[in-house]
PDB file of N, CA and C in Angstrom:
ATOM      1  N   MET A   1       7.058 -14.290  43.387  1.00  0.00           N
ATOM      2  CA  MET A   1       7.651 -14.585  41.980  1.00  0.00           C
ATOM      3  C   MET A   1       9.099 -15.322  42.552  1.00  0.00           C
ATOM      4  N   THR A   2       9.766 -16.109  41.946  1.00  0.00           N
ATOM      5  CA  THR A   2      10.474 -16.990  42.166  1.00  0.00           C
ATOM      6  C   THR A   2      11.873 -16.532  41.035  1.00  0.00           C
ATOM      7  N   ALA A   3      13.257 -16.993  41.897  1.00  0.00           N
ATOM      8  CA  ALA A   3      14.120 -15.630  40.738  1.00  0.00           C
ATOM      9  C   ALA A   3      13.998 -17.323  39.683  1.00  0.00           C
ATOM     10  N   ARG A   4      13.596 -18.463  39.050  1.00  0.00           N
ATOM     11  CA  ARG A   4      13.883 -19.363  38.074  1.00  0.00           C
ATOM     12  C   ARG A   4      12.723 -18.770  37.326  1.00  0.00           C
ATOM     13  N   ARG A   5      11.613 -18.103  37.894  1.00  0.00           N
ATOM     14  CA  ARG A   5      10.378 -17.790  37.619  1.00  0.00           C
ATOM     15  C   ARG A   5      11.182 -16.329  36.586  1.00  0.00           C
ATOM     16  N   ARG A   6      11.453 -15.400  37.217  1.00  0.00           N
ATOM     17  CA  ARG A   6      11.815 -14.225  37.048  1.00  0.00           C
ATOM     18  C   ARG A   6      12.827 -15.071  35.578  1.00  0.00           C
ATOM     19  N   ILE A   7      13.908 -15.733  35.700  1.00  0.00           N
ATOM     20  CA  ILE A   7      14.702 -15.837  34.623  1.00  0.00           C
ATOM     21  C   ILE A   7      13.726 -16.797  33.542  1.00  0.00           C
ATOM     22  N   TRP A   8      12.869 -17.007  33.569  1.00  0.00           N
ATOM     23  CA  TRP A   8      12.413 -17.824  32.455  1.00  0.00           C
ATOM     24  C   TRP A   8      11.155 -16.389  32.128  1.00  0.00           C
ATOM     25  N   LEU A   9      10.905 -15.654  32.512  1.00  0.00           N
ATOM     26  CA  LEU A   9      10.238 -14.910  31.596  1.00  0.00           C
ATOM     27  C   LEU A   9      10.974 -13.702  30.991  1.00  0.00           C
ATOM     28  N   SER A  10      12.134 -13.308  32.303  1.00  0.00           N
ATOM     29  CA  SER A  10      13.069 -12.268  31.066  1.00  0.00           C
ATOM     30  C   SER A  10      13.780 -13.342  29.238  1.00  0.00           C
ATOM     31  N   LEU A  11      13.522 -14.463  29.778  1.00  0.00           N
ATOM     32  CA  LEU A  11      14.071 -15.474  28.445  1.00  0.00           C
ATOM     33  C   LEU A  11      12.757 -15.414  27.617  1.00  0.00           C
ATOM     34  N   ALA A  12      11.783 -15.323  27.719  1.00  0.00           N
ATOM     35  CA  ALA A  12      10.340 -15.046  27.118  1.00  0.00           C
ATOM     36  C   ALA A  12      10.527 -13.842  26.260  1.00  0.00           C
ATOM     37  N   GLY A  13      10.730 -12.695  27.068  1.00  0.00           N
ATOM     38  CA  GLY A  13      10.670 -11.505  26.738  1.00  0.00           C
ATOM     39  C   GLY A  13      11.910 -10.965  26.012  1.00  0.00           C
ATOM     40  N   LEU A  14      13.212 -11.287  26.058  1.00  0.00           N
ATOM     41  CA  LEU A  14      14.079 -11.504  24.974  1.00  0.00           C
ATOM     42  C   LEU A  14      14.251 -11.889  23.861  1.00  0.00           C
ATOM     43  N   ILE A  15      13.162 -13.349  23.993  1.00  0.00           N
ATOM     44  CA  ILE A  15      13.283 -14.153  22.310  1.00  0.00           C
ATOM     45  C   ILE A  15      12.363 -13.564  21.593  1.00  0.00           C
ATOM     46  N   LEU A  16      10.775 -12.594  22.364  1.00  0.00           N
ATOM     47  CA  LEU A  16      10.093 -12.441  21.670  1.00  0.00           C
ATOM     48  C   LEU A  16      10.598 -10.817  21.326  1.00  0.00           C
ATOM     49  N   ILE A  17      10.995 -10.169  22.000  1.00  0.00           N
ATOM     50  CA  ILE A  17      12.103  -8.637  20.827  1.00  0.00           C
ATOM     51  C   ILE A  17      13.203  -9.032  19.914  1.00  0.00           C
ATOM     52  N   LEU A  18      13.486 -10.490  20.203  1.00  0.00           N
ATOM     53  CA  LEU A  18      14.625 -10.842  19.083  1.00  0.00           C
ATOM     54  C   LEU A  18      13.594 -10.937  18.132  1.00  0.00           C
ATOM     55  N   GLY A  19      12.927 -12.449  18.151  1.00  0.00           N
ATOM     56  CA  GLY A  19      11.942 -12.241  16.984  1.00  0.00           C
ATOM     57  C   GLY A  19      11.382 -10.968  16.314  1.00  0.00           C
ATOM     58  N   THR A  20      10.965 -10.320  17.210  1.00  0.00           N
ATOM     59  CA  THR A  20       9.928  -9.082  16.800  1.00  0.00           C
ATOM     60  C   THR A  20      11.220  -8.427  15.714  1.00  0.00           C
ATOM     61  N   GLY A  21      12.298  -8.671  16.165  1.00  0.00           N
ATOM     62  CA  GLY A  21      13.632  -7.552  15.389  1.00  0.00           C
ATOM     63  C   GLY A  21      13.393  -7.972  13.874  1.00  0.00           C
ATOM     64  N   LEU A  22      13.780  -9.654  13.925  1.00  0.00           N
ATOM     65  CA  LEU A  22      14.363 -10.451  12.425  1.00  0.00           C
ATOM     66  C   LEU A  22      12.875  -9.486  11.954  1.00  0.00           C
ATOM     67  N   ILE A  23      11.876  -9.811  12.493  1.00  0.00           N
ATOM     68  CA  ILE A  23      10.419  -9.904  10.912  1.00  0.00           C
ATOM     69  C   ILE A  23      10.490  -8.491  10.663  1.00  0.00           C
ATOM     70  N   VAL A  24      10.451  -7.773  11.480  1.00  0.00           N
ATOM     71  CA  VAL A  24      10.775  -6.006  10.956  1.00  0.00           C
ATOM     72  C   VAL A  24      11.741  -6.151   9.767  1.00  0.00           C
ATOM     73  N   LEU A  25      12.826  -6.344  10.143  1.00  0.00           N
ATOM     74  CA  LEU A  25      14.303  -6.271   9.719  1.00  0.00           C
ATOM     75  C   LEU A  25      14.139  -7.192   8.306  1.00  0.00           C
ATOM     76  N   SER A  26      13.085  -8.076   7.883  1.00  0.00           N
ATOM     77  CA  SER A  26      13.422  -8.683   6.986  1.00  0.00           C
ATOM     78  C   SER A  26      12.351  -8.169   6.265  1.00  0.00           C
ATOM     79  N   TYR A  27      11.523  -7.451   6.011  1.00  0.00           N
ATOM     80  CA  TYR A  27      10.421  -6.504   5.448  1.00  0.00           C
ATOM     81  C   TYR A  27      11.494  -5.458   5.052  1.00  0.00           C
ATOM     82  N   ARG A  28      13.094  -4.812   4.998  1.00  0.00           N
ATOM     83  CA  ARG A  28      13.469  -3.893   4.682  1.00  0.00           C
ATOM     84  C   ARG A  28      14.015  -4.396   3.256  1.00  0.00           C
ATOM     85  N   SER A  29      13.955  -3.525   2.354  1.00  0.00           N
ATOM     86  CA  SER A  29      13.975  -3.825   1.516  1.00  0.00           C
ATOM     87  C   SER A  29      15.473  -2.965   0.321  1.00  0.00           C
ATOM     88  N   THR A  30      16.030  -3.224  -0.403  1.00  0.00           N
ATOM     89  CA  THR A  30      16.893  -2.502  -1.602  1.00  0.00           C
ATOM     90  C   THR A  30      16.760  -2.518  -2.624  1.00  0.00           C
ATOM     91  N   VAL A  31      17.552  -1.132  -3.463  1.00  0.00           N
ATOM     92  CA  VAL A  31      16.745  -1.511  -4.924  1.00  0.00           C
ATOM     93  C   VAL A  31      17.756  -2.188  -5.753  1.00  0.00           C
ATOM     94  N   TYR A  32      17.115  -3.230  -6.732  1.00  0.00           N
ATOM     95  CA  TYR A  32      18.562  -4.376  -6.690  1.00  0.00           C
ATOM     96  C   TYR A  32      18.945  -3.688  -8.711  1.00  0.00           C
ATOM     97  N   ALA A  33      17.545  -3.486  -9.287  1.00  0.00           N
ATOM     98  CA  ALA A  33      17.586  -2.995 -11.104  1.00  0.00           C
ATOM     99  C   ALA A  33      16.579  -2.216 -11.465  1.00  0.00           C
ATOM    100  N   VAL A  34      16.912  -0.882 -11.838  1.00  0.00           N
ATOM    101  CA  VAL A  34      15.895  -0.167 -12.961  1.00  0.00           C
ATOM    102  C   VAL A  34      15.579  -0.617 -14.210  1.00  0.00           C
ATOM    103  N   TYR A  35      14.934  -0.532 -14.565  1.00  0.00           N
ATOM    104  CA  TYR A  35      14.342  -0.950 -16.271  1.00  0.00           C
ATOM    105  C   TYR A  35      13.329   0.494 -16.980  1.00  0.00           C
ATOM    106  N   TYR A  36      13.714   0.948 -18.069  1.00  0.00           N
ATOM    107  CA  TYR A  36      13.141   1.495 -18.655  1.00  0.00           C
ATOM    108  C   TYR A  36      11.669   0.914 -19.841  1.00  0.00           C
ATOM    109  N   SER A  37      10.974   1.525 -19.689  1.00  0.00           N
ATOM    110  CA  SER A  37       9.950   1.373 -20.940  1.00  0.00           C
ATOM    111  C   SER A  37      10.776   1.907 -22.150  1.00  0.00           C
ATOM    112  N   PRO A  38      10.672   0.891 -23.516  1.00  0.00           N
ATOM    113  CA  PRO A  38      11.368   1.269 -24.384  1.00  0.00           C
ATOM    114  C   PRO A  38      10.626   3.048 -25.053  1.00  0.00           C
ATOM    115  N   LYS A  39       9.788   3.714 -24.676  1.00  0.00           N
ATOM    116  CA  LYS A  39       9.691   4.835 -24.743  1.00  0.00           C
ATOM    117  C   LYS A  39       9.866   5.923 -23.639  1.00  0.00           C
ATOM    118  N   GLY A  40      10.232   5.612 -22.556  1.00  0.00           N
ATOM    119  CA  GLY A  40      10.660   5.998 -21.521  1.00  0.00           C
ATOM    120  C   GLY A  40       9.608   6.346 -20.967  1.00  0.00           C
ATOM    121  N   LYS A  41       8.256   6.347 -20.493  1.00  0.00           N
ATOM    122  CA  LYS A  41       7.158   6.453 -19.965  1.00  0.00           C
ATOM    123  C   LYS A  41       7.372   6.167 -18.865  1.00  0.00           C
ATOM    124  N   TYR A  42       8.040   4.730 -18.586  1.00  0.00           N
ATOM    125  CA  TYR A  42       7.335   4.050 -16.991  1.00  0.00           C
ATOM    126  C   TYR A  42       8.771   3.618 -16.645  1.00  0.00           C
ATOM    127  N   ARG A  43       8.846   3.418 -15.646  1.00  0.00           N
ATOM    128  CA  ARG A  43      10.256   2.473 -14.812  1.00  0.00           C
ATOM    129  C   ARG A  43       9.575   1.317 -13.872  1.00  0.00           C
ATOM    130  N   LEU A  44      10.355   0.403 -14.358  1.00  0.00           N
ATOM    131  CA  LEU A  44      10.129  -0.817 -13.208  1.00  0.00           C
ATOM    132  C   LEU A  44      11.343  -0.682 -12.426  1.00  0.00           C
ATOM    133  N   VAL A  45      11.317  -0.819 -11.110  1.00  0.00           N
ATOM    134  CA  VAL A  45      12.278  -1.162 -10.473  1.00  0.00           C
ATOM    135  C   VAL A  45      11.611  -2.125  -9.390  1.00  0.00           C
ATOM    136  N   VAL A  46      12.978  -2.733  -9.443  1.00  0.00           N
ATOM    137  CA  VAL A  46      13.002  -4.156  -8.960  1.00  0.00           C
ATOM    138  C   VAL A  46      13.617  -4.189  -7.809  1.00  0.00           C
ATOM    139  N   TYR A  47      12.880  -4.630  -6.145  1.00  0.00           N
ATOM    140  CA  TYR A  47      13.605  -4.195  -5.468  1.00  0.00           C
ATOM    141  C   TYR A  47      13.999  -5.808  -4.948  1.00  0.00           C
ATOM    142  N   ALA A  48      14.966  -5.836  -3.685  1.00  0.00           N
ATOM    143  CA  ALA A  48      15.617  -7.273  -3.150  1.00  0.00           C
ATOM    144  C   ALA A  48      15.046  -6.995  -1.859  1.00  0.00           C
ATOM    145  N   TYR A  49      14.505  -7.954  -1.007  1.00  0.00           N
ATOM    146  CA  TYR A  49      14.699  -8.060   0.523  1.00  0.00           C
ATOM    147  C   TYR A  49      16.456  -7.731   1.235  1.00  0.00           C
ATOM    148  N   ARG A  50      16.452  -7.170   2.209  1.00  0.00           N
ATOM    149  CA  ARG A  50      17.847  -6.962   2.324  1.00  0.00           C
ATOM    150  C   ARG A  50      17.614  -8.522   3.169  1.00  0.00           C
ATOM    151  N   TYR A  51      17.215  -8.445   4.364  1.00  0.00           N
ATOM    152  CA  TYR A  51      17.341  -9.476   5.265  1.00  0.00           C
ATOM    153  C   TYR A  51      15.604 -10.929   5.009  1.00  0.00           C
ATOM    154  N   SER A  52      16.183 -11.661   4.504  1.00  0.00           N
ATOM    155  CA  SER A  52      15.068 -12.830   4.265  1.00  0.00           C
ATOM    156  C   SER A  52      15.394 -14.448   5.273  1.00  0.00           C
ATOM    157  N   LEU A  53      14.591 -14.845   5.082  1.00  0.00           N
ATOM    158  CA  LEU A  53      15.060 -16.507   5.627  1.00  0.00           C
ATOM    159  C   LEU A  53      16.466 -17.221   4.374  1.00  0.00           C
ATOM    160  N   HIS A  54      16.424 -16.999   3.519  1.00  0.00           N
ATOM    161  CA  HIS A  54      17.165 -17.504   2.568  1.00  0.00           C
ATOM    162  C   HIS A  54      18.270 -17.088   2.772  1.00  0.00           C
ATOM    163  N   SER A  55      18.673 -15.596   3.478  1.00  0.00           N
ATOM    164  CA  SER A  55      20.240 -15.546   3.521  1.00  0.00           C
ATOM    165  C   SER A  55      20.552 -15.688   5.097  1.00  0.00           C
ATOM    166  N   VAL A  56      19.632 -16.472   5.937  1.00  0.00           N
ATOM    167  CA  VAL A  56      20.251 -17.176   6.740  1.00  0.00           C
ATOM    168  C   VAL A  56      20.340 -18.766   7.047  1.00  0.00           C
ATOM    169  N   ILE A  57      19.988 -19.134   5.559  1.00  0.00           N
ATOM    170  CA  ILE A  57      19.779 -20.733   5.156  1.00  0.00           C
ATOM    171  C   ILE A  57      20.890 -20.727   4.834  1.00  0.00           C
ATOM    172  N   PRO A  58      22.092 -22.084   4.908  1.00  0.00           N
ATOM    173  CA  PRO A  58      22.636 -22.119   4.175  1.00  0.00           C
ATOM    174  C   PRO A  58      22.521 -22.380   2.957  1.00  0.00           C
ATOM    175  N   ALA A  59      23.611 -22.662   1.894  1.00  0.00           N
ATOM    176  CA  ALA A  59      22.804 -22.731   0.724  1.00  0.00           C
ATOM    177  C   ALA A  59      24.150 -23.237  -0.207  1.00  0.00           C
ATOM    178  N   MET A  60      23.905 -24.229  -1.433  1.00  0.00           N
ATOM    179  CA  MET A  60      24.896 -24.873  -2.173  1.00  0.00           C
ATOM    180  C   MET A  60      25.959 -24.445  -2.869  1.00  0.00           C
ATOM    181  N   PRO A  61      27.137 -24.821  -3.096  1.00  0.00           N
ATOM    182  CA  PRO A  61      27.923 -23.898  -4.113  1.00  0.00           C
ATOM    183  C   PRO A  61      27.037 -23.757  -5.056  1.00  0.00           C
ATOM    184  N   GLY A  62      27.328 -21.931  -5.163  1.00  0.00           N
ATOM    185  CA  GLY A  62      26.711 -21.598  -6.789  1.00  0.00           C
ATOM    186  C   GLY A  62      25.473 -21.357  -6.449  1.00  0.00           C
ATOM    187  N   GLY A  63      25.128 -21.253  -4.998  1.00  0.00           N
ATOM    188  CA  GLY A  63      23.495 -21.064  -5.238  1.00  0.00           C
ATOM    189  C   GLY A  63      24.136 -20.125  -3.645  1.00  0.00           C
ATOM    190  N   GLY A  64      22.778 -19.255  -3.556  1.00  0.00           N
ATOM    191  CA  GLY A  64      22.432 -18.286  -2.336  1.00  0.00           C
ATOM    192  C   GLY A  64      22.849 -16.774  -2.331  1.00  0.00           C
ATOM    193  N   GLY A  65      23.157 -16.601  -3.251  1.00  0.00           N
ATOM    194  CA  GLY A  65      23.561 -15.004  -3.564  1.00  0.00           C
ATOM    195  C   GLY A  65      22.629 -14.117  -3.654  1.00  0.00           C
ATOM    196  N   THR A  66      22.615 -13.174  -4.381  1.00  0.00           N
ATOM    197  CA  THR A  66      21.312 -12.066  -3.877  1.00  0.00           C
ATOM    198  C   THR A  66      20.301 -12.448  -5.249  1.00  0.00           C
ATOM    199  N   LYS A  67      20.618 -13.043  -5.849  1.00  0.00           N
ATOM    200  CA  LYS A  67      19.667 -13.311  -7.356  1.00  0.00           C
ATOM    201  C   LYS A  67      18.902 -14.624  -7.239  1.00  0.00           C
ATOM    202  N   ASP A  68      19.243 -15.896  -5.859  1.00  0.00           N
ATOM    203  CA  ASP A  68      18.226 -15.932  -5.134  1.00  0.00           C
ATOM    204  C   ASP A  68      17.290 -15.913  -4.037  1.00  0.00           C
ATOM    205  N   ARG A  69      17.122 -14.139  -3.743  1.00  0.00           N
ATOM    206  CA  ARG A  69      16.183 -14.146  -3.163  1.00  0.00           C
ATOM    207  C   ARG A  69      15.043 -13.475  -3.600  1.00  0.00           C
ATOM    208  N   PRO A  70      14.006 -13.399  -2.991  1.00  0.00           N
ATOM    209  CA  PRO A  70      12.516 -12.604  -3.053  1.00  0.00           C
ATOM    210  C   PRO A  70      12.908 -11.290  -3.140  1.00  0.00           C
ATOM    211  N   GLY A  71      11.769 -10.927  -3.687  1.00  0.00           N
ATOM    212  CA  GLY A  71      11.775  -9.357  -3.834  1.00  0.00           C
ATOM    213  C   GLY A  71      10.130  -9.101  -4.518  1.00  0.00           C
ATOM    214  N   PHE A  72      10.746  -7.604  -4.644  1.00  0.00           N
ATOM    215  CA  PHE A  72       8.835  -7.220  -5.943  1.00  0.00           C
ATOM    216  C   PHE A  72       9.546  -6.152  -6.666  1.00  0.00           C
ATOM    217  N   VAL A  73       8.214  -5.914  -7.161  1.00  0.00           N
ATOM    218  CA  VAL A  73       8.822  -4.735  -8.482  1.00  0.00           C
ATOM    219  C   VAL A  73       7.568  -4.083  -8.585  1.00  0.00           C
ATOM    220  N   ARG A  74       7.772  -2.748  -8.754  1.00  0.00           N
ATOM    221  CA  ARG A  74       6.977  -1.834  -9.112  1.00  0.00           C
ATOM    222  C   ARG A  74       6.875  -0.776  -9.851  1.00  0.00           C
ATOM    223  N   LEU A  75       5.932  -0.554 -10.309  1.00  0.00           N
ATOM    224  CA  LEU A  75       6.071   0.188 -11.793  1.00  0.00           C
ATOM    225  C   LEU A  75       5.370   1.845 -12.096  1.00  0.00           C
ATOM    226  N   TYR A  76       6.320   2.825 -11.786  1.00  0.00           N
ATOM    227  CA  TYR A  76       6.322   4.351 -11.866  1.00  0.00           C
ATOM    228  C   TYR A  76       5.859   4.517 -13.512  1.00  0.00           C
ATOM    229  N   GLY A  77       5.554   5.561 -13.080  1.00  0.00           N
ATOM    230  CA  GLY A  77       5.079   6.522 -14.559  1.00  0.00           C
ATOM    231  C   GLY A  77       6.323   7.460 -14.676  1.00  0.00           C
ATOM    232  N   LYS A  78       6.421   8.848 -15.629  1.00  0.00           N
ATOM    233  CA  LYS A  78       7.482   9.577 -15.069  1.00  0.00           C
ATOM    234  C   LYS A  78       7.797  10.576 -14.427  1.00  0.00           C
ATOM    235  N   ASP A  79       5.781  10.879 -13.856  1.00  0.00           N
ATOM    236  CA  ASP A  79       5.826  11.917 -12.756  1.00  0.00           C
ATOM    237  C   ASP A  79       6.010  11.503 -11.615  1.00  0.00           C
ATOM    238  N   GLY A  80       6.429   9.571 -11.093  1.00  0.00           N
ATOM    239  CA  GLY A  80       7.255   9.368 -10.563  1.00  0.00           C
ATOM    240  C   GLY A  80       5.977   8.758  -9.262  1.00  0.00           C
ATOM    241  N   LYS A  81       4.554   8.674  -9.774  1.00  0.00           N
ATOM    242  CA  LYS A  81       3.000   8.289  -9.549  1.00  0.00           C
ATOM    243  C   LYS A  81       3.177   6.624  -9.593  1.00  0.00           C
ATOM    244  N   LEU A  82       2.868   5.905  -8.683  1.00  0.00           N
ATOM    245  CA  LEU A  82       2.914   4.276  -9.130  1.00  0.00           C
ATOM    246  C   LEU A  82       1.968   4.072  -9.197  1.00  0.00           C
ATOM    247  N   TYR A  83       2.200   3.003 -10.211  1.00  0.00           N
ATOM    248  CA  TYR A  83       0.728   2.545 -11.232  1.00  0.00           C
ATOM    249  C   TYR A  83       0.814   0.736 -10.627  1.00  0.00           C
ATOM    250  N   GLY A  84       1.522   0.288 -10.073  1.00  0.00           N
ATOM    251  CA  GLY A  84       1.272  -1.064  -9.742  1.00  0.00           C
ATOM    252  C   GLY A  84       2.365  -1.761  -9.560  1.00  0.00           C
ATOM    253  N   LYS A  85       2.138  -3.099  -8.853  1.00  0.00           N
ATOM    254  CA  LYS A  85       3.441  -3.875  -7.663  1.00  0.00           C
ATOM    255  C   LYS A  85       2.894  -5.035  -7.833  1.00  0.00           C
ATOM    256  N   ALA A  86       3.761  -6.336  -7.620  1.00  0.00           N
ATOM    257  CA  ALA A  86       3.803  -7.200  -7.988  1.00  0.00           C
ATOM    258  C   ALA A  86       4.923  -8.363  -6.784  1.00  0.00           C
ATOM    259  N   ASP A  87       4.619  -8.970  -6.536  1.00  0.00           N
ATOM    260  CA  ASP A  87       5.516 -10.065  -5.519  1.00  0.00           C
ATOM    261  C   ASP A  87       6.130 -10.619  -6.567  1.00  0.00           C
ATOM    262  N   VAL A  88       8.122 -10.638  -6.568  1.00  0.00           N
ATOM    263  CA  VAL A  88       8.777 -11.530  -7.094  1.00  0.00           C
ATOM    264  C   VAL A  88       9.615 -12.775  -6.200  1.00  0.00           C
ATOM    265  N   PRO A  89       9.208 -14.248  -6.709  1.00  0.00           N
ATOM    266  CA  PRO A  89       9.790 -15.532  -5.375  1.00  0.00           C
ATOM    267  C   PRO A  89      11.152 -15.246  -5.671  1.00  0.00           C
ATOM    268  N   TRP A  90      11.805 -15.361  -6.906  1.00  0.00           N
ATOM    269  CA  TRP A  90      13.020 -15.184  -7.153  1.00  0.00           C
ATOM    270  C   TRP A  90      13.996 -14.309  -8.299  1.00  0.00           C
ATOM    271  N   LEU A  91      14.771 -12.948  -7.886  1.00  0.00           N
ATOM    272  CA  LEU A  91      14.909 -11.903  -8.374  1.00  0.00           C
ATOM    273  C   LEU A  91      15.784 -12.305  -9.511  1.00  0.00           C
ATOM    274  N   GLN A  92      16.356 -13.204  -9.881  1.00  0.00           N
ATOM    275  CA  GLN A  92      16.771 -14.018 -11.084  1.00  0.00           C
ATOM    276  C   GLN A  92      15.729 -14.122 -12.330  1.00  0.00           C
ATOM    277  N   GLU A  93      14.954 -14.231 -11.894  1.00  0.00           N
ATOM    278  CA  GLU A  93      13.469 -14.363 -13.329  1.00  0.00           C
ATOM    279  C   GLU A  93      13.568 -13.227 -13.401  1.00  0.00           C
ATOM    280  N   VAL A  94      14.176 -12.447 -12.787  1.00  0.00           N
ATOM    281  CA  VAL A  94      14.179 -10.402 -13.252  1.00  0.00           C
ATOM    282  C   VAL A  94      15.372 -10.158 -13.819  1.00  0.00           C
ATOM    283  N   ASP A  95      15.234 -10.225 -15.266  1.00  0.00           N
ATOM    284  CA  ASP A  95      16.357  -9.147 -16.249  1.00  0.00           C
ATOM    285  C   ASP A  95      15.916  -8.573 -17.354  1.00  0.00           C
ATOM    286  N   ARG A  96      16.263  -8.253 -17.925  1.00  0.00           N
ATOM    287  CA  ARG A  96      16.281  -7.140 -18.941  1.00  0.00           C
ATOM    288  C   ARG A  96      15.749  -8.131 -20.054  1.00  0.00           C
ATOM    289  N   ASP A  97      16.298  -9.145 -20.647  1.00  0.00           N
ATOM    290  CA  ASP A  97      15.856  -9.974 -20.867  1.00  0.00           C
ATOM    291  C   ASP A  97      14.609 -10.905 -21.277  1.00  0.00           C
ATOM    292  N   SER A  98      14.283 -10.769 -20.166  1.00  0.00           N
ATOM    293  CA  SER A  98      13.065 -11.478 -19.633  1.00  0.00           C
ATOM    294  C   SER A  98      11.652 -10.260 -19.234  1.00  0.00           C
ATOM    295  N   ILE A  99      11.422  -9.725 -19.432  1.00  0.00           N
ATOM    296  CA  ILE A  99      10.879  -8.242 -19.143  1.00  0.00           C
ATOM    297  C   ILE A  99      10.187  -7.883 -20.365  1.00  0.00           C
ATOM    298  N   ARG A 100       8.608  -8.256 -20.807  1.00  0.00           N
ATOM    299  CA  ARG A 100       8.119  -7.793 -21.871  1.00  0.00           C
ATOM    300  C   ARG A 100       7.480  -6.502 -21.314  1.00  0.00           C
ATOM    301  N   TRP A 101       7.453  -5.726 -22.496  1.00  0.00           N
ATOM    302  CA  TRP A 101       6.909  -4.454 -22.320  1.00  0.00           C
ATOM    303  C   TRP A 101       5.599  -4.200 -23.514  1.00  0.00           C
ATOM    304  N   GLY A 102       4.230  -4.926 -22.804  1.00  0.00           N
ATOM    305  CA  GLY A 102       3.600  -4.991 -24.584  1.00  0.00           C
ATOM    306  C   GLY A 102       2.419  -4.004 -24.210  1.00  0.00           C
ATOM    307  N   ASP A 103       1.485  -4.280 -25.262  1.00  0.00           N
ATOM    308  CA  ASP A 103       0.121  -3.435 -25.069  1.00  0.00           C
ATOM    309  C   ASP A 103      -0.435  -3.020 -23.736  1.00  0.00           C
ATOM    310  N   GLY A 104       0.016  -1.898 -23.196  1.00  0.00           N
ATOM    311  CA  GLY A 104      -1.116  -1.652 -22.085  1.00  0.00           C
ATOM    312  C   GLY A 104      -0.599  -2.712 -20.728  1.00  0.00           C
ATOM    313  N   GLU A 105       0.723  -3.170 -20.811  1.00  0.00           N
ATOM    314  CA  GLU A 105       1.244  -3.957 -19.285  1.00  0.00           C
ATOM    315  C   GLU A 105       2.384  -4.284 -19.404  1.00  0.00           C
ATOM    316  N   VAL A 106       2.772  -4.945 -18.408  1.00  0.00           N
ATOM    317  CA  VAL A 106       4.295  -5.328 -19.085  1.00  0.00           C
ATOM    318  C   VAL A 106       4.402  -5.855 -17.846  1.00  0.00           C
ATOM    319  N   PHE A 107       5.240  -7.257 -18.369  1.00  0.00           N
ATOM    320  CA  PHE A 107       5.419  -8.710 -17.513  1.00  0.00           C
ATOM    321  C   PHE A 107       6.570  -9.473 -17.556  1.00  0.00           C
ATOM    322  N   ASN A 108       6.506 -10.092 -16.731  1.00  0.00           N
ATOM    323  CA  ASN A 108       7.893 -11.400 -17.238  1.00  0.00           C
ATOM    324  C   ASN A 108       7.413 -12.871 -17.461  1.00  0.00           C
ATOM    325  N   ALA A 109       8.936 -12.871 -18.230  1.00  0.00           N
ATOM    326  CA  ALA A 109       8.883 -14.443 -19.433  1.00  0.00           C
ATOM    327  C   ALA A 109       8.677 -15.376 -18.481  1.00  0.00           C
ATOM    328  N   GLY A 110       9.071 -15.130 -17.386  1.00  0.00           N
ATOM    329  CA  GLY A 110      10.006 -16.167 -16.441  1.00  0.00           C
ATOM    330  C   GLY A 110       8.734 -17.354 -16.093  1.00  0.00           C
ATOM    331  N   ASP A 111       9.190 -17.983 -15.260  1.00  0.00           N
ATOM    332  CA  ASP A 111       8.172 -19.442 -14.955  1.00  0.00           C
ATOM    333  C   ASP A 111       7.407 -18.868 -14.107  1.00  0.00           C
ATOM    334  N   ASP A 112       8.096 -18.174 -12.862  1.00  0.00           N
ATOM    335  CA  ASP A 112       6.709 -17.256 -11.604  1.00  0.00           C
ATOM    336  C   ASP A 112       7.253 -15.953 -12.080  1.00  0.00           C
ATOM    337  N   GLY A 113       6.527 -15.050 -13.196  1.00  0.00           N
ATOM    338  CA  GLY A 113       6.157 -13.838 -13.948  1.00  0.00           C
ATOM    339  C   GLY A 113       5.005 -13.131 -12.997  1.00  0.00           C
ATOM    340  N   PHE A 114       5.522 -12.028 -13.588  1.00  0.00           N
ATOM    341  CA  PHE A 114       4.569 -10.963 -12.826  1.00  0.00           C
ATOM    342  C   PHE A 114       3.619 -10.504 -14.116  1.00  0.00           C
ATOM    343  N   ARG A 115       2.594  -9.606 -13.520  1.00  0.00           N
ATOM    344  CA  ARG A 115       2.189  -9.103 -14.746  1.00  0.00           C
ATOM    345  C   ARG A 115       1.201  -7.694 -13.973  1.00  0.00           C
ATOM    346  N   ILE A 116       1.600  -7.197 -14.872  1.00  0.00           N
ATOM    347  CA  ILE A 116       1.158  -5.316 -14.198  1.00  0.00           C
ATOM    348  C   ILE A 116       0.784  -4.510 -15.071  1.00  0.00           C
ATOM    349  N   THR A 117      -0.583  -4.187 -15.169  1.00  0.00           N
ATOM    350  CA  THR A 117      -1.375  -3.431 -16.537  1.00  0.00           C
ATOM    351  C   THR A 117      -1.359  -2.073 -16.519  1.00  0.00           C
ATOM    352  N   MET A 118      -0.526  -1.112 -17.472  1.00  0.00           N
ATOM    353  CA  MET A 118      -0.115  -0.005 -17.714  1.00  0.00           C
ATOM    354  C   MET A 118      -1.611   0.921 -17.132  1.00  0.00           C
ATOM    355  N   PRO A 119      -1.773   2.108 -17.168  1.00  0.00           N
ATOM    356  CA  PRO A 119      -2.831   2.860 -17.245  1.00  0.00           C
ATOM    357  C   PRO A 119      -3.376   3.491 -18.984  1.00  0.00           C
ATOM    358  N   LYS A 120      -4.208   3.601 -18.704  1.00  0.00           N
ATOM    359  CA  LYS A 120      -4.764   3.559 -20.758  1.00  0.00           C
ATOM    360  C   LYS A 120      -4.280   5.254 -20.971  1.00  0.00           C
ATOM    361  N   GLU A 121      -3.886   5.295 -22.017  1.00  0.00           N
ATOM    362  CA  GLU A 121      -2.933   6.356 -22.408  1.00  0.00           C
ATOM    363  C   GLU A 121      -4.400   7.369 -22.993  1.00  0.00           C
TER     364      GLU A 121
END
């Protein structure tokens, strides 16, 4: 094997390792917000992806903050049991005013809303 070929293979291996690391890091998440149902039986936890493509792309002034990131929501009961989950394209769409606790479901009134069915009582 020539020296030139070894350099190219080493470079390709390094790129592969770095790319895999970035993909793994992009799926790590952190708690962004927690909301409780009116009766306190359920809690809706909003998670933000720590590192996403949005965090490395330059943003215009006034944009690019934490609220512009994608994330996901999970609905838990008092006992900590997971009852449902949904993806959220923009965290800014999920806040206390946009979450609706309906009869048997929780949903988001935003444009890219989510809908999670709660268990029957």
